Amino acid sequence: MFFIILAADRPGALPLRLEHRQRHLDYWLAQGAAVKVAGAMLDGDSPDASPKGSSFLLEAQDEPAVRALLAADPFTIEGVFTGDFIVQPVRPAIGEWRRD
């Protein structure tokens, strides 16, 4: 199954985000093909917009598996994320990562 995840940052978490960013990236890179696309959510659409959370499109067996991945993310462990994740199952129809 595929899941869209929205993970909001705690207010004022930018210094923590920057401090733990490489660990966060390394963690998700280690998940391999499960990560279809991921990146920062921004506080605007300007080139200098600041991150305010993260978004993911993941492939996982089920929602508990997704939540386990999120729980082990350094951003969760270090308190960057609020912990109030939106986890939404989706059925891909278009895109390079979809299955026919």
PDB file of N, CA and C in Angstrom:
ATOM      1  N   MET A   1       0.840  -1.180   0.000  1.00  0.00           N
ATOM      2  CA  MET A   1       0.000   0.000   0.000  1.00  0.00           C
ATOM      3  C   MET A   1       0.882   1.239   0.000  1.00  0.00           C
ATOM      4  N   PHE A   2       0.274   2.314  -0.468  1.00  0.00           N
ATOM      5  CA  PHE A   2       0.957   3.604  -0.460  1.00  0.00           C
ATOM      6  C   PHE A   2       0.285   4.527   0.548  1.00  0.00           C
ATOM      7  N   PHE A   3       1.095   5.396   1.142  1.00  0.00           N
ATOM      8  CA  PHE A   3       0.611   6.331   2.156  1.00  0.00           C
ATOM      9  C   PHE A   3       1.233   7.695   1.937  1.00  0.00           C
ATOM     10  N   ILE A   4       0.410   8.731   2.055  1.00  0.00           N
ATOM     11  CA  ILE A   4       0.907  10.098   2.118  1.00  0.00           C
ATOM     12  C   ILE A   4       0.963  10.471   3.590  1.00  0.00           C
ATOM     13  N   ILE A   5       2.092  11.031   3.991  1.00  0.00           N
ATOM     14  CA  ILE A   5       2.285  11.427   5.384  1.00  0.00           C
ATOM     15  C   ILE A   5       2.629  12.900   5.441  1.00  0.00           C
ATOM     16  N   LEU A   6       1.970  13.618   6.328  1.00  0.00           N
ATOM     17  CA  LEU A   6       2.296  15.008   6.636  1.00  0.00           C
ATOM     18  C   LEU A   6       2.728  15.052   8.088  1.00  0.00           C
ATOM     19  N   ALA A   7       3.935  15.557   8.306  1.00  0.00           N
ATOM     20  CA  ALA A   7       4.520  15.601   9.649  1.00  0.00           C
ATOM     21  C   ALA A   7       4.906  17.043   9.954  1.00  0.00           C
ATOM     22  N   ALA A   8       4.113  17.714  10.755  1.00  0.00           N
ATOM     23  CA  ALA A   8       4.356  19.119  11.083  1.00  0.00           C
ATOM     24  C   ALA A   8       5.463  19.253  12.122  1.00  0.00           C
ATOM     25  N   ASP A   9       6.252  20.325  11.990  1.00  0.00           N
ATOM     26  CA  ASP A   9       7.271  20.650  12.981  1.00  0.00           C
ATOM     27  C   ASP A   9       6.633  21.363  14.167  1.00  0.00           C
ATOM     28  N   ARG A  10       7.248  21.208  15.323  1.00  0.00           N
ATOM     29  CA  ARG A  10       6.858  21.979  16.502  1.00  0.00           C
ATOM     30  C   ARG A  10       7.215  23.446  16.245  1.00  0.00           C
ATOM     31  N   PRO A  11       6.465  24.379  16.781  1.00  0.00           N
ATOM     32  CA  PRO A  11       6.841  25.790  16.661  1.00  0.00           C
ATOM     33  C   PRO A  11       8.250  26.010  17.217  1.00  0.00           C
ATOM     34  N   GLY A  12       9.043  26.749  16.485  1.00  0.00           N
ATOM     35  CA  GLY A  12      10.397  27.066  16.929  1.00  0.00           C
ATOM     36  C   GLY A  12      11.401  25.937  16.771  1.00  0.00           C
ATOM     37  N   ALA A  13      11.058  24.888  16.015  1.00  0.00           N
ATOM     38  CA  ALA A  13      11.923  23.711  15.902  1.00  0.00           C
ATOM     39  C   ALA A  13      12.998  23.834  14.830  1.00  0.00           C
ATOM     40  N   LEU A  14      13.071  24.956  14.132  1.00  0.00           N
ATOM     41  CA  LEU A  14      14.043  25.066  13.042  1.00  0.00           C
ATOM     42  C   LEU A  14      15.475  24.774  13.481  1.00  0.00           C
ATOM     43  N   PRO A  15      15.964  25.295  14.615  1.00  0.00           N
ATOM     44  CA  PRO A  15      17.330  24.947  15.020  1.00  0.00           C
ATOM     45  C   PRO A  15      17.526  23.437  15.221  1.00  0.00           C
ATOM     46  N   LEU A  16      16.536  22.768  15.818  1.00  0.00           N
ATOM     47  CA  LEU A  16      16.617  21.313  15.987  1.00  0.00           C
ATOM     48  C   LEU A  16      16.589  20.601  14.644  1.00  0.00           C
ATOM     49  N   ARG A  17      15.745  21.080  13.742  1.00  0.00           N
ATOM     50  CA  ARG A  17      15.647  20.505  12.394  1.00  0.00           C
ATOM     51  C   ARG A  17      17.011  20.569  11.717  1.00  0.00           C
ATOM     52  N   LEU A  18      17.649  21.706  11.767  1.00  0.00           N
ATOM     53  CA  LEU A  18      18.949  21.864  11.118  1.00  0.00           C
ATOM     54  C   LEU A  18      20.008  20.990  11.788  1.00  0.00           C
ATOM     55  N   GLU A  19      19.961  20.899  13.107  1.00  0.00           N
ATOM     56  CA  GLU A  19      20.934  20.098  13.845  1.00  0.00           C
ATOM     57  C   GLU A  19      20.846  18.614  13.500  1.00  0.00           C
ATOM     58  N   HIS A  20      19.643  18.104  13.300  1.00  0.00           N
ATOM     59  CA  HIS A  20      19.434  16.666  13.102  1.00  0.00           C
ATOM     60  C   HIS A  20      19.086  16.300  11.664  1.00  0.00           C
ATOM     61  N   ARG A  21      19.188  17.253  10.759  1.00  0.00           N
ATOM     62  CA  ARG A  21      18.784  17.031   9.362  1.00  0.00           C
ATOM     63  C   ARG A  21      19.531  15.864   8.721  1.00  0.00           C
ATOM     64  N   GLN A  22      20.843  15.807   8.872  1.00  0.00           N
ATOM     65  CA  GLN A  22      21.600  14.733   8.203  1.00  0.00           C
ATOM     66  C   GLN A  22      21.199  13.360   8.723  1.00  0.00           C
ATOM     67  N   ARG A  23      20.995  13.222  10.019  1.00  0.00           N
ATOM     68  CA  ARG A  23      20.534  11.937  10.576  1.00  0.00           C
ATOM     69  C   ARG A  23      19.165  11.563  10.018  1.00  0.00           C
ATOM     70  N   HIS A  24      18.288  12.553   9.920  1.00  0.00           N
ATOM     71  CA  HIS A  24      16.947  12.351   9.351  1.00  0.00           C
ATOM     72  C   HIS A  24      17.060  11.865   7.906  1.00  0.00           C
ATOM     73  N   LEU A  25      17.874  12.547   7.104  1.00  0.00           N
ATOM     74  CA  LEU A  25      18.049  12.152   5.701  1.00  0.00           C
ATOM     75  C   LEU A  25      18.659  10.759   5.595  1.00  0.00           C
ATOM     76  N   ASP A  26      19.671  10.488   6.379  1.00  0.00           N
ATOM     77  CA  ASP A  26      20.312   9.171   6.345  1.00  0.00           C
ATOM     78  C   ASP A  26      19.325   8.067   6.716  1.00  0.00           C
ATOM     79  N   TYR A  27      18.484   8.337   7.711  1.00  0.00           N
ATOM     80  CA  TYR A  27      17.486   7.354   8.130  1.00  0.00           C
ATOM     81  C   TYR A  27      16.552   7.016   6.974  1.00  0.00           C
ATOM     82  N   TRP A  28      16.025   8.030   6.307  1.00  0.00           N
ATOM     83  CA  TRP A  28      15.077   7.773   5.225  1.00  0.00           C
ATOM     84  C   TRP A  28      15.748   7.196   3.999  1.00  0.00           C
ATOM     85  N   LEU A  29      16.986   7.585   3.713  1.00  0.00           N
ATOM     86  CA  LEU A  29      17.717   6.965   2.604  1.00  0.00           C
ATOM     87  C   LEU A  29      17.922   5.477   2.861  1.00  0.00           C
ATOM     88  N   ALA A  30      18.101   5.095   4.100  1.00  0.00           N
ATOM     89  CA  ALA A  30      18.284   3.689   4.463  1.00  0.00           C
ATOM     90  C   ALA A  30      17.009   2.864   4.263  1.00  0.00           C
ATOM     91  N   GLN A  31      15.863   3.519   4.112  1.00  0.00           N
ATOM     92  CA  GLN A  31      14.596   2.804   3.901  1.00  0.00           C
ATOM     93  C   GLN A  31      14.433   2.357   2.456  1.00  0.00           C
ATOM     94  N   GLY A  32      15.347   2.775   1.588  1.00  0.00           N
ATOM     95  CA  GLY A  32      15.372   2.298   0.204  1.00  0.00           C
ATOM     96  C   GLY A  32      14.119   2.619  -0.586  1.00  0.00           C
ATOM     97  N   ALA A  33      13.633   1.621  -1.300  1.00  0.00           N
ATOM     98  CA  ALA A  33      12.523   1.801  -2.240  1.00  0.00           C
ATOM     99  C   ALA A  33      11.192   2.101  -1.562  1.00  0.00           C
ATOM    100  N   ALA A  34      11.114   1.978  -0.251  1.00  0.00           N
ATOM    101  CA  ALA A  34       9.860   2.306   0.444  1.00  0.00           C
ATOM    102  C   ALA A  34       9.526   3.787   0.321  1.00  0.00           C
ATOM    103  N   VAL A  35      10.551   4.616   0.153  1.00  0.00           N
ATOM    104  CA  VAL A  35      10.346   6.059   0.030  1.00  0.00           C
ATOM    105  C   VAL A  35      10.223   6.402  -1.452  1.00  0.00           C
ATOM    106  N   LYS A  36       9.035   6.803  -1.847  1.00  0.00           N
ATOM    107  CA  LYS A  36       8.803   7.164  -3.246  1.00  0.00           C
ATOM    108  C   LYS A  36       9.163   8.617  -3.504  1.00  0.00           C
ATOM    109  N   VAL A  37       8.815   9.480  -2.580  1.00  0.00           N
ATOM    110  CA  VAL A  37       9.206  10.897  -2.636  1.00  0.00           C
ATOM    111  C   VAL A  37       9.048  11.458  -1.231  1.00  0.00           C
ATOM    112  N   ALA A  38       9.921  12.382  -0.874  1.00  0.00           N
ATOM    113  CA  ALA A  38       9.840  13.003   0.446  1.00  0.00           C
ATOM    114  C   ALA A  38      10.525  14.359   0.376  1.00  0.00           C
ATOM    115  N   GLY A  39      10.108  15.258   1.242  1.00  0.00           N
ATOM    116  CA  GLY A  39      10.742  16.563   1.290  1.00  0.00           C
ATOM    117  C   GLY A  39      10.082  17.457   2.315  1.00  0.00           C
ATOM    118  N   ALA A  40      10.687  18.613   2.495  1.00  0.00           N
ATOM    119  CA  ALA A  40      10.180  19.571   3.479  1.00  0.00           C
ATOM    120  C   ALA A  40       8.901  20.234   2.987  1.00  0.00           C
ATOM    121  N   MET A  41       7.962  20.423   3.908  1.00  0.00           N
ATOM    122  CA  MET A  41       6.819  21.303   3.661  1.00  0.00           C
ATOM    123  C   MET A  41       7.316  22.703   3.991  1.00  0.00           C
ATOM    124  N   LEU A  42       6.889  23.676   3.218  1.00  0.00           N
ATOM    125  CA  LEU A  42       7.406  25.040   3.358  1.00  0.00           C
ATOM    126  C   LEU A  42       6.336  25.995   3.851  1.00  0.00           C
ATOM    127  N   ASP A  43       6.787  27.102   4.449  1.00  0.00           N
ATOM    128  CA  ASP A  43       5.853  28.101   4.966  1.00  0.00           C
ATOM    129  C   ASP A  43       5.428  29.121   3.911  1.00  0.00           C
ATOM    130  N   GLY A  44       5.741  28.879   2.660  1.00  0.00           N
ATOM    131  CA  GLY A  44       5.341  29.749   1.561  1.00  0.00           C
ATOM    132  C   GLY A  44       5.896  29.218   0.261  1.00  0.00           C
ATOM    133  N   ASP A  45       5.611  29.946  -0.823  1.00  0.00           N
ATOM    134  CA  ASP A  45       6.067  29.472  -2.127  1.00  0.00           C
ATOM    135  C   ASP A  45       7.222  30.298  -2.696  1.00  0.00           C
ATOM    136  N   SER A  46       7.897  31.039  -1.846  1.00  0.00           N
ATOM    137  CA  SER A  46       9.052  31.812  -2.305  1.00  0.00           C
ATOM    138  C   SER A  46      10.307  30.942  -2.249  1.00  0.00           C
ATOM    139  N   PRO A  47      11.329  31.294  -3.023  1.00  0.00           N
ATOM    140  CA  PRO A  47      12.567  30.504  -3.019  1.00  0.00           C
ATOM    141  C   PRO A  47      13.246  30.428  -1.654  1.00  0.00           C
ATOM    142  N   ASP A  48      13.010  31.398  -0.784  1.00  0.00           N
ATOM    143  CA  ASP A  48      13.642  31.390   0.534  1.00  0.00           C
ATOM    144  C   ASP A  48      12.689  30.958   1.650  1.00  0.00           C
ATOM    145  N   ALA A  49      11.632  30.242   1.289  1.00  0.00           N
ATOM    146  CA  ALA A  49      10.668  29.766   2.288  1.00  0.00           C
ATOM    147  C   ALA A  49      11.348  28.829   3.278  1.00  0.00           C
ATOM    148  N   SER A  50      10.891  28.870   4.505  1.00  0.00           N
ATOM    149  CA  SER A  50      11.451  28.026   5.568  1.00  0.00           C
ATOM    150  C   SER A  50      10.659  26.732   5.710  1.00  0.00           C
ATOM    151  N   PRO A  51      11.324  25.646   6.119  1.00  0.00           N
ATOM    152  CA  PRO A  51      10.595  24.400   6.351  1.00  0.00           C
ATOM    153  C   PRO A  51       9.700  24.510   7.578  1.00  0.00           C
ATOM    154  N   LYS A  52       8.540  23.856   7.478  1.00  0.00           N
ATOM    155  CA  LYS A  52       7.615  23.817   8.615  1.00  0.00           C
ATOM    156  C   LYS A  52       7.134  22.400   8.905  1.00  0.00           C
ATOM    157  N   GLY A  53       7.759  21.435   8.250  1.00  0.00           N
ATOM    158  CA  GLY A  53       7.396  20.039   8.430  1.00  0.00           C
ATOM    159  C   GLY A  53       7.957  19.217   7.290  1.00  0.00           C
ATOM    160  N   SER A  54       7.550  17.963   7.236  1.00  0.00           N
ATOM    161  CA  SER A  54       8.001  17.063   6.180  1.00  0.00           C
ATOM    162  C   SER A  54       6.797  16.343   5.588  1.00  0.00           C
ATOM    163  N   SER A  55       6.943  15.970   4.322  1.00  0.00           N
ATOM    164  CA  SER A  55       5.910  15.184   3.651  1.00  0.00           C
ATOM    165  C   SER A  55       6.573  13.987   2.986  1.00  0.00           C
ATOM    166  N   PHE A  56       5.828  12.905   2.916  1.00  0.00           N
ATOM    167  CA  PHE A  56       6.354  11.661   2.371  1.00  0.00           C
ATOM    168  C   PHE A  56       5.284  10.965   1.540  1.00  0.00           C
ATOM    169  N   LEU A  57       5.715  10.262   0.545  1.00  0.00           N
ATOM    170  CA  LEU A  57       4.908   9.237  -0.107  1.00  0.00           C
ATOM    171  C   LEU A  57       5.681   7.947   0.108  1.00  0.00           C
ATOM    172  N   LEU A  58       5.106   7.055   0.918  1.00  0.00           N
ATOM    173  CA  LEU A  58       5.776   5.813   1.291  1.00  0.00           C
ATOM    174  C   LEU A  58       4.984   4.610   0.820  1.00  0.00           C
ATOM    175  N   GLU A  59       5.710   3.537   0.585  1.00  0.00           N
ATOM    176  CA  GLU A  59       5.081   2.245   0.349  1.00  0.00           C
ATOM    177  C   GLU A  59       5.374   1.377   1.567  1.00  0.00           C
ATOM    178  N   ALA A  60       4.327   0.843   2.162  1.00  0.00           N
ATOM    179  CA  ALA A  60       4.478   0.017   3.356  1.00  0.00           C
ATOM    180  C   ALA A  60       3.335  -0.991   3.409  1.00  0.00           C
ATOM    181  N   GLN A  61       3.509  -1.985   4.251  1.00  0.00           N
ATOM    182  CA  GLN A  61       2.501  -3.041   4.368  1.00  0.00           C
ATOM    183  C   GLN A  61       1.173  -2.496   4.883  1.00  0.00           C
ATOM    184  N   ASP A  62       1.251  -1.630   5.907  1.00  0.00           N
ATOM    185  CA  ASP A  62       0.027  -1.127   6.514  1.00  0.00           C
ATOM    186  C   ASP A  62       0.364   0.123   7.337  1.00  0.00           C
ATOM    187  N   GLU A  63      -0.669   0.747   7.897  1.00  0.00           N
ATOM    188  CA  GLU A  63      -0.457   1.974   8.669  1.00  0.00           C
ATOM    189  C   GLU A  63       0.421   1.760   9.903  1.00  0.00           C
ATOM    190  N   PRO A  64       0.275   0.652  10.640  1.00  0.00           N
ATOM    191  CA  PRO A  64       1.193   0.459  11.767  1.00  0.00           C
ATOM    192  C   PRO A  64       2.671   0.432  11.335  1.00  0.00           C
ATOM    193  N   ALA A  65       2.960  -0.111  10.171  1.00  0.00           N
ATOM    194  CA  ALA A  65       4.341  -0.124   9.675  1.00  0.00           C
ATOM    195  C   ALA A  65       4.814   1.301   9.384  1.00  0.00           C
ATOM    196  N   VAL A  66       3.936   2.123   8.825  1.00  0.00           N
ATOM    197  CA  VAL A  66       4.279   3.527   8.562  1.00  0.00           C
ATOM    198  C   VAL A  66       4.546   4.245   9.876  1.00  0.00           C
ATOM    199  N   ARG A  67       3.676   4.053  10.836  1.00  0.00           N
ATOM    200  CA  ARG A  67       3.839   4.732  12.126  1.00  0.00           C
ATOM    201  C   ARG A  67       5.111   4.278  12.848  1.00  0.00           C
ATOM    202  N   ALA A  68       5.510   3.023  12.659  1.00  0.00           N
ATOM    203  CA  ALA A  68       6.767   2.549  13.239  1.00  0.00           C
ATOM    204  C   ALA A  68       7.956   3.249  12.592  1.00  0.00           C
ATOM    205  N   LEU A  69       7.910   3.435  11.271  1.00  0.00           N
ATOM    206  CA  LEU A  69       8.971   4.177  10.582  1.00  0.00           C
ATOM    207  C   LEU A  69       9.049   5.609  11.106  1.00  0.00           C
ATOM    208  N   LEU A  70       7.903   6.246  11.253  1.00  0.00           N
ATOM    209  CA  LEU A  70       7.880   7.629  11.742  1.00  0.00           C
ATOM    210  C   LEU A  70       8.408   7.716  13.171  1.00  0.00           C
ATOM    211  N   ALA A  71       8.076   6.745  14.000  1.00  0.00           N
ATOM    212  CA  ALA A  71       8.516   6.763  15.396  1.00  0.00           C
ATOM    213  C   ALA A  71      10.034   6.661  15.515  1.00  0.00           C
ATOM    214  N   ALA A  72      10.678   6.010  14.549  1.00  0.00           N
ATOM    215  CA  ALA A  72      12.132   5.835  14.581  1.00  0.00           C
ATOM    216  C   ALA A  72      12.885   6.957  13.860  1.00  0.00           C
ATOM    217  N   ASP A  73      12.162   7.878  13.239  1.00  0.00           N
ATOM    218  CA  ASP A  73      12.785   9.003  12.541  1.00  0.00           C
ATOM    219  C   ASP A  73      13.487   9.901  13.560  1.00  0.00           C
ATOM    220  N   PRO A  74      14.738  10.280  13.309  1.00  0.00           N
ATOM    221  CA  PRO A  74      15.420  11.186  14.231  1.00  0.00           C
ATOM    222  C   PRO A  74      14.652  12.484  14.512  1.00  0.00           C
ATOM    223  N   PHE A  75      13.890  12.979  13.554  1.00  0.00           N
ATOM    224  CA  PHE A  75      13.101  14.191  13.802  1.00  0.00           C
ATOM    225  C   PHE A  75      12.019  13.937  14.849  1.00  0.00           C
ATOM    226  N   THR A  76      11.468  12.731  14.879  1.00  0.00           N
ATOM    227  CA  THR A  76      10.498  12.387  15.915  1.00  0.00           C
ATOM    228  C   THR A  76      11.211  12.242  17.259  1.00  0.00           C
ATOM    229  N   ILE A  77      12.282  11.492  17.268  1.00  0.00           N
ATOM    230  CA  ILE A  77      13.022  11.214  18.500  1.00  0.00           C
ATOM    231  C   ILE A  77      13.542  12.493  19.144  1.00  0.00           C
ATOM    232  N   GLU A  78      14.022  13.429  18.333  1.00  0.00           N
ATOM    233  CA  GLU A  78      14.630  14.661  18.849  1.00  0.00           C
ATOM    234  C   GLU A  78      13.624  15.791  19.066  1.00  0.00           C
ATOM    235  N   GLY A  79      12.342  15.540  18.786  1.00  0.00           N
ATOM    236  CA  GLY A  79      11.312  16.529  19.063  1.00  0.00           C
ATOM    237  C   GLY A  79      11.118  17.596  17.999  1.00  0.00           C
ATOM    238  N   VAL A  80      11.583  17.340  16.790  1.00  0.00           N
ATOM    239  CA  VAL A  80      11.331  18.287  15.692  1.00  0.00           C
ATOM    240  C   VAL A  80       9.852  18.225  15.305  1.00  0.00           C
ATOM    241  N   PHE A  81       9.344  17.023  15.090  1.00  0.00           N
ATOM    242  CA  PHE A  81       7.940  16.841  14.712  1.00  0.00           C
ATOM    243  C   PHE A  81       7.029  16.970  15.928  1.00  0.00           C
ATOM    244  N   THR A  82       5.805  17.422  15.690  1.00  0.00           N
ATOM    245  CA  THR A  82       4.813  17.490  16.761  1.00  0.00           C
ATOM    246  C   THR A  82       4.389  16.103  17.213  1.00  0.00           C
ATOM    247  N   GLY A  83       4.499  15.120  16.319  1.00  0.00           N
ATOM    248  CA  GLY A  83       4.043  13.761  16.618  1.00  0.00           C
ATOM    249  C   GLY A  83       2.609  13.515  16.218  1.00  0.00           C
ATOM    250  N   ASP A  84       1.932  14.554  15.780  1.00  0.00           N
ATOM    251  CA  ASP A  84       0.539  14.444  15.325  1.00  0.00           C
ATOM    252  C   ASP A  84       0.551  14.264  13.809  1.00  0.00           C
ATOM    253  N   PHE A  85       0.907  13.057  13.355  1.00  0.00           N
ATOM    254  CA  PHE A  85       1.085  12.783  11.939  1.00  0.00           C
ATOM    255  C   PHE A  85      -0.246  12.567  11.233  1.00  0.00           C
ATOM    256  N   ILE A  86      -0.337  13.064  10.023  1.00  0.00           N
ATOM    257  CA  ILE A  86      -1.436  12.693   9.133  1.00  0.00           C
ATOM    258  C   ILE A  86      -0.904  11.551   8.277  1.00  0.00           C
ATOM    259  N   VAL A  87      -1.541  10.399   8.360  1.00  0.00           N
ATOM    260  CA  VAL A  87      -1.169   9.222   7.576  1.00  0.00           C
ATOM    261  C   VAL A  87      -2.400   8.837   6.771  1.00  0.00           C
ATOM    262  N   GLN A  88      -2.303   9.017   5.452  1.00  0.00           N
ATOM    263  CA  GLN A  88      -3.449   8.790   4.587  1.00  0.00           C
ATOM    264  C   GLN A  88      -3.121   7.729   3.538  1.00  0.00           C
ATOM    265  N   PRO A  89      -3.822   6.578   3.560  1.00  0.00           N
ATOM    266  CA  PRO A  89      -3.626   5.603   2.488  1.00  0.00           C
ATOM    267  C   PRO A  89      -4.091   6.197   1.159  1.00  0.00           C
ATOM    268  N   VAL A  90      -3.366   5.883   0.091  1.00  0.00           N
ATOM    269  CA  VAL A  90      -3.728   6.357  -1.242  1.00  0.00           C
ATOM    270  C   VAL A  90      -3.566   5.220  -2.247  1.00  0.00           C
ATOM    271  N   ARG A  91      -4.286   5.323  -3.354  1.00  0.00           N
ATOM    272  CA  ARG A  91      -4.159   4.383  -4.460  1.00  0.00           C
ATOM    273  C   ARG A  91      -3.601   5.152  -5.655  1.00  0.00           C
ATOM    274  N   PRO A  92      -2.321   4.994  -5.950  1.00  0.00           N
ATOM    275  CA  PRO A  92      -1.725   5.735  -7.058  1.00  0.00           C
ATOM    276  C   PRO A  92      -2.381   5.384  -8.394  1.00  0.00           C
ATOM    277  N   ALA A  93      -2.549   6.396  -9.231  1.00  0.00           N
ATOM    278  CA  ALA A  93      -3.091   6.197 -10.558  1.00  0.00           C
ATOM    279  C   ALA A  93      -2.136   6.688 -11.635  1.00  0.00           C
ATOM    280  N   ILE A  94      -1.327   7.685 -11.315  1.00  0.00           N
ATOM    281  CA  ILE A  94      -0.412   8.281 -12.279  1.00  0.00           C
ATOM    282  C   ILE A  94       0.916   8.534 -11.585  1.00  0.00           C
ATOM    283  N   GLY A  95       2.012   8.330 -12.287  1.00  0.00           N
ATOM    284  CA  GLY A  95       3.328   8.632 -11.745  1.00  0.00           C
ATOM    285  C   GLY A  95       4.325   7.533 -12.054  1.00  0.00           C
ATOM    286  N   GLU A  96       5.582   7.881 -12.063  1.00  0.00           N
ATOM    287  CA  GLU A  96       6.630   6.912 -12.393  1.00  0.00           C
ATOM    288  C   GLU A  96       6.703   5.776 -11.388  1.00  0.00           C
ATOM    289  N   TRP A  97       6.323   6.016 -10.142  1.00  0.00           N
ATOM    290  CA  TRP A  97       6.452   5.019  -9.077  1.00  0.00           C
ATOM    291  C   TRP A  97       5.246   4.111  -8.970  1.00  0.00           C
ATOM    292  N   ARG A  98       4.195   4.340  -9.731  1.00  0.00           N
ATOM    293  CA  ARG A  98       2.975   3.544  -9.590  1.00  0.00           C
ATOM    294  C   ARG A  98       3.162   2.143 -10.171  1.00  0.00           C
ATOM    295  N   ARG A  99       2.328   1.240  -9.718  1.00  0.00           N
ATOM    296  CA  ARG A  99       2.306  -0.128 -10.260  1.00  0.00           C
ATOM    297  C   ARG A  99       1.131  -0.248 -11.206  1.00  0.00           C
ATOM    298  N   ASP A 100       1.340  -0.945 -12.295  1.00  0.00           N
ATOM    299  CA  ASP A 100       0.222  -1.175 -13.238  1.00  0.00           C
ATOM    300  C   ASP A 100      -0.640  -2.324 -12.791  1.00  0.00           C
TER     301      ASP A 100
END
